[in-house]
C-alpha atoms as a PDB file:
ATOM      1  CA  GLN A   1      24.223 -10.727   6.768  1.00  0.00           C
ATOM      2  CA  VAL A   2      21.945  -7.983   5.530  1.00  0.00           C
ATOM      3  CA  GLN A   3      19.073  -6.656   7.606  1.00  0.00           C
ATOM      4  CA  LEU A   4      16.213  -4.266   6.870  1.00  0.00           C
ATOM      5  CA  VAL A   5      14.457  -2.776   9.877  1.00  0.00           C
ATOM      6  CA  GLU A   6      11.239  -0.781   9.534  1.00  0.00           C
ATOM      7  CA  SER A   7       9.736   1.696  11.948  1.00  0.00           C
ATOM      8  CA  GLY A   8       6.963   4.252  12.069  1.00  0.00           C
ATOM      9  CA  GLY A   9       3.761   2.252  11.792  1.00  0.00           C
ATOM     10  CA  GLY A  10       0.780   2.712  14.069  1.00  0.00           C
ATOM     11  CA  LEU A  11      -2.850   3.700  14.397  1.00  0.00           C
ATOM     12  CA  VAL A  12      -4.044   6.865  12.697  1.00  0.00           C
ATOM     13  CA  GLN A  13      -7.427   8.406  11.923  1.00  0.00           C
ATOM     14  CA  PRO A  14      -8.658   8.748   8.337  1.00  0.00           C
ATOM     15  CA  GLY A  15      -7.094  11.803   6.740  1.00  0.00           C
ATOM     16  CA  GLY A  16      -4.047  11.590   8.975  1.00  0.00           C
ATOM     17  CA  SER A  17      -0.386  11.053   8.163  1.00  0.00           C
ATOM     18  CA  LEU A  18       2.364   8.625   9.028  1.00  0.00           C
ATOM     19  CA  ARG A  19       6.000   8.340   8.025  1.00  0.00           C
ATOM     20  CA  LEU A  20       7.635   4.948   7.671  1.00  0.00           C
ATOM     21  CA  SER A  21      11.387   4.425   7.751  1.00  0.00           C
ATOM     22  CA  CYS A  22      13.488   1.443   6.739  1.00  0.00           C
ATOM     23  CA  ALA A  23      17.216   1.172   7.387  1.00  0.00           C
ATOM     24  CA  ALA A  24      19.393  -1.421   5.692  1.00  0.00           C
ATOM     25  CA  SER A  25      22.508  -2.582   7.500  1.00  0.00           C
ATOM     26  CA  GLY A  26      25.123  -5.302   7.456  1.00  0.00           C
ATOM     27  CA  ARG A  27      27.361  -6.647   4.712  1.00  0.00           C
ATOM     28  CA  ILE A  28      26.231  -4.306   1.933  1.00  0.00           C
ATOM     29  CA  PHE A  29      28.232  -3.596  -1.205  1.00  0.00           C
ATOM     30  CA  SER A  30      25.551  -1.563  -2.933  1.00  0.00           C
ATOM     31  CA  ILE A  31      21.800  -1.069  -3.059  1.00  0.00           C
ATOM     32  CA  THR A  32      19.896  -0.598  -6.271  1.00  0.00           C
ATOM     33  CA  ALA A  33      16.163  -0.186  -5.809  1.00  0.00           C
ATOM     34  CA  MET A  34      14.365   0.143  -2.494  1.00  0.00           C
ATOM     35  CA  GLY A  35      10.658   0.072  -2.006  1.00  0.00           C
ATOM     36  CA  TRP A  36       7.576  -0.490   0.058  1.00  0.00           C
ATOM     37  CA  TYR A  37       4.970  -3.200  -0.315  1.00  0.00           C
ATOM     38  CA  ARG A  38       1.862  -3.871   1.724  1.00  0.00           C
ATOM     39  CA  GLN A  39      -0.354  -6.800   2.522  1.00  0.00           C
ATOM     40  CA  ALA A  40      -3.853  -6.596   3.936  1.00  0.00           C
ATOM     41  CA  PRO A  41      -5.506  -9.618   5.593  1.00  0.00           C
ATOM     42  CA  GLY A  42      -6.696 -12.095   2.996  1.00  0.00           C
ATOM     43  CA  LYS A  43      -5.004 -10.234   0.138  1.00  0.00           C
ATOM     44  CA  GLN A  44      -1.793 -10.621  -1.810  1.00  0.00           C
ATOM     45  CA  ARG A  45       1.219  -8.447  -1.164  1.00  0.00           C
ATOM     46  CA  GLU A  46       1.182  -5.442  -3.471  1.00  0.00           C
ATOM     47  CA  LEU A  47       3.637  -2.800  -4.549  1.00  0.00           C
ATOM     48  CA  VAL A  48       3.179   0.611  -2.937  1.00  0.00           C
ATOM     49  CA  ALA A  49       6.193   2.579  -4.153  1.00  0.00           C
ATOM     50  CA  THR A  50       9.780   2.123  -5.297  1.00  0.00           C
ATOM     51  CA  VAL A  51      12.803   4.394  -5.667  1.00  0.00           C
ATOM     52  CA  SER A  52      15.932   3.659  -7.668  1.00  0.00           C
ATOM     53  CA  SER A  53      19.485   4.488  -6.632  1.00  0.00           C
ATOM     54  CA  GLY A  54      19.237   7.523  -8.911  1.00  0.00           C
ATOM     55  CA  GLY A  55      16.023   8.737  -7.323  1.00  0.00           C
ATOM     56  CA  SER A  56      13.473   7.639  -9.924  1.00  0.00           C
ATOM     57  CA  THR A  57      10.178   6.761  -8.292  1.00  0.00           C
ATOM     58  CA  ASP A  58       7.152   4.655  -9.112  1.00  0.00           C
ATOM     59  CA  TYR A  59       3.829   4.438  -7.278  1.00  0.00           C
ATOM     60  CA  ALA A  60       0.743   2.280  -7.215  1.00  0.00           C
ATOM     61  CA  ASP A  61      -2.193   4.160  -8.696  1.00  0.00           C
ATOM     62  CA  SER A  62      -4.051   3.883  -5.397  1.00  0.00           C
ATOM     63  CA  VAL A  63      -1.460   5.990  -3.548  1.00  0.00           C
ATOM     64  CA  LYS A  64      -0.393   8.518  -6.193  1.00  0.00           C
ATOM     65  CA  GLY A  65      -0.705  12.050  -4.917  1.00  0.00           C
ATOM     66  CA  ARG A  66      -0.948  10.902  -1.296  1.00  0.00           C
ATOM     67  CA  PHE A  67       2.253   8.954  -0.629  1.00  0.00           C
ATOM     68  CA  SER A  68       5.828  10.020  -1.255  1.00  0.00           C
ATOM     69  CA  ILE A  69       8.890   7.776  -1.240  1.00  0.00           C
ATOM     70  CA  SER A  70      12.384   9.096  -0.671  1.00  0.00           C
ATOM     71  CA  ARG A  71      15.802   7.714   0.016  1.00  0.00           C
ATOM     72  CA  ASP A  72      18.989   8.669   1.840  1.00  0.00           C
ATOM     73  CA  ASN A  73      21.755   6.734   0.118  1.00  0.00           C
ATOM     74  CA  ALA A  74      24.356   7.750   2.696  1.00  0.00           C
ATOM     75  CA  LYS A  75      22.245   6.136   5.423  1.00  0.00           C
ATOM     76  CA  ASN A  76      20.936   3.223   3.344  1.00  0.00           C
ATOM     77  CA  THR A  77      17.484   4.324   4.415  1.00  0.00           C
ATOM     78  CA  VAL A  78      14.194   4.631   2.578  1.00  0.00           C
ATOM     79  CA  TYR A  79      11.180   6.594   3.764  1.00  0.00           C
ATOM     80  CA  LEU A  80       7.487   6.530   2.952  1.00  0.00           C
ATOM     81  CA  GLN A  81       5.505   9.655   3.784  1.00  0.00           C
ATOM     82  CA  MET A  82       1.823   8.756   3.821  1.00  0.00           C
ATOM     83  CA  ASN A  83      -0.732  11.573   3.799  1.00  0.00           C
ATOM     84  CA  SER A  84      -4.520  11.619   3.512  1.00  0.00           C
ATOM     85  CA  LEU A  85      -4.657   8.074   4.791  1.00  0.00           C
ATOM     86  CA  LYS A  86      -7.754   6.018   4.125  1.00  0.00           C
ATOM     87  CA  PRO A  87      -9.112   2.906   5.872  1.00  0.00           C
ATOM     88  CA  GLU A  88      -8.214   0.894   2.775  1.00  0.00           C
ATOM     89  CA  ASP A  89      -4.543   1.741   3.396  1.00  0.00           C
ATOM     90  CA  THR A  90      -4.681  -0.497   6.466  1.00  0.00           C
ATOM     91  CA  ALA A  91      -2.116  -3.258   6.006  1.00  0.00           C
ATOM     92  CA  ALA A  92       1.241  -4.602   7.071  1.00  0.00           C
ATOM     93  CA  TYR A  93       3.885  -2.579   5.237  1.00  0.00           C
ATOM     94  CA  PHE A  94       7.118  -4.277   4.206  1.00  0.00           C
ATOM     95  CA  CYS A  95      10.372  -2.695   3.125  1.00  0.00           C
ATOM     96  CA  ASN A  96      12.251  -4.242   0.220  1.00  0.00           C
ATOM     97  CA  GLY A  97      15.800  -3.727  -0.919  1.00  0.00           C
ATOM     98  CA  ARG A  98      17.585  -5.063  -4.000  1.00  0.00           C
ATOM     99  CA  ILE A  99      21.048  -5.428  -2.550  1.00  0.00           C
ATOM    100  CA  TYR A 100      24.485  -6.663  -3.544  1.00  0.00           C
ATOM    101  CA  PRO A 101      26.007  -8.150  -0.377  1.00  0.00           C
ATOM    102  CA  ASP A 102      29.744  -7.565  -0.048  1.00  0.00           C
ATOM    103  CA  ASN A 103      30.469 -11.152   1.009  1.00  0.00           C
ATOM    104  CA  VAL A 104      29.139 -12.834  -2.141  1.00  0.00           C
ATOM    105  CA  TRP A 105      31.378 -13.431  -5.165  1.00  0.00           C
ATOM    106  CA  PRO A 106      30.744 -13.134  -8.006  1.00  0.00           C
ATOM    107  CA  ARG A 107      28.545 -10.153  -7.267  1.00  0.00           C
ATOM    108  CA  ARG A 108      24.911 -11.112  -7.200  1.00  0.00           C
ATOM    109  CA  GLU A 109      21.873  -8.986  -6.395  1.00  0.00           C
ATOM    110  CA  SER A 110      19.213 -10.393  -4.094  1.00  0.00           C
ATOM    111  CA  ASP A 111      15.927  -9.255  -2.633  1.00  0.00           C
ATOM    112  CA  TYR A 112      15.842  -8.549   1.083  1.00  0.00           C
ATOM    113  CA  TRP A 113      12.751  -7.863   3.194  1.00  0.00           C
ATOM    114  CA  GLY A 114      12.038  -6.227   6.494  1.00  0.00           C
ATOM    115  CA  GLN A 115       9.851  -7.820   9.142  1.00  0.00           C
ATOM    116  CA  GLY A 116       6.921  -5.505   8.428  1.00  0.00           C
ATOM    117  CA  THR A 117       5.217  -2.722  10.320  1.00  0.00           C
ATOM    118  CA  GLN A 118       1.468  -2.445  10.835  1.00  0.00           C
ATOM    119  CA  VAL A 119      -0.459   0.589   9.645  1.00  0.00           C
ATOM    120  CA  THR A 120      -4.067   0.851  10.788  1.00  0.00           C
ATOM    121  CA  VAL A 121      -6.325   3.658   9.584  1.00  0.00           C
ATOM    122  CA  SER A 122      -9.468   3.825  11.661  1.00  0.00           C
ATOM    123  CA  SER A 123     -11.630   6.288  13.547  1.00  0.00           C
END
């Protein structure tokens, strides 16, 4: 089994910062991309940021310059540093990993998701 566990959400005032973490564990052979998505009430889930195994990053236009994604391959962990938070950043944030489990043959990559962590930006 493969698990992704997020942490770091909470309530913050506009202009504040939060750092999300997501650790992947279990029967992992390798991880390619990892990323963060978010879903606000009544809206579809949307991409926030991704990072490849080589460190290449991609961001939604709405968070460029404010959010930074990073990854510790040795710990199978991805981080999302969120600065200058706005009320419109309020959402449930979900970690995603594109993972090759080590108990599946032939090797096959699958998407895995964390349970989500709530971020609320409000005064």
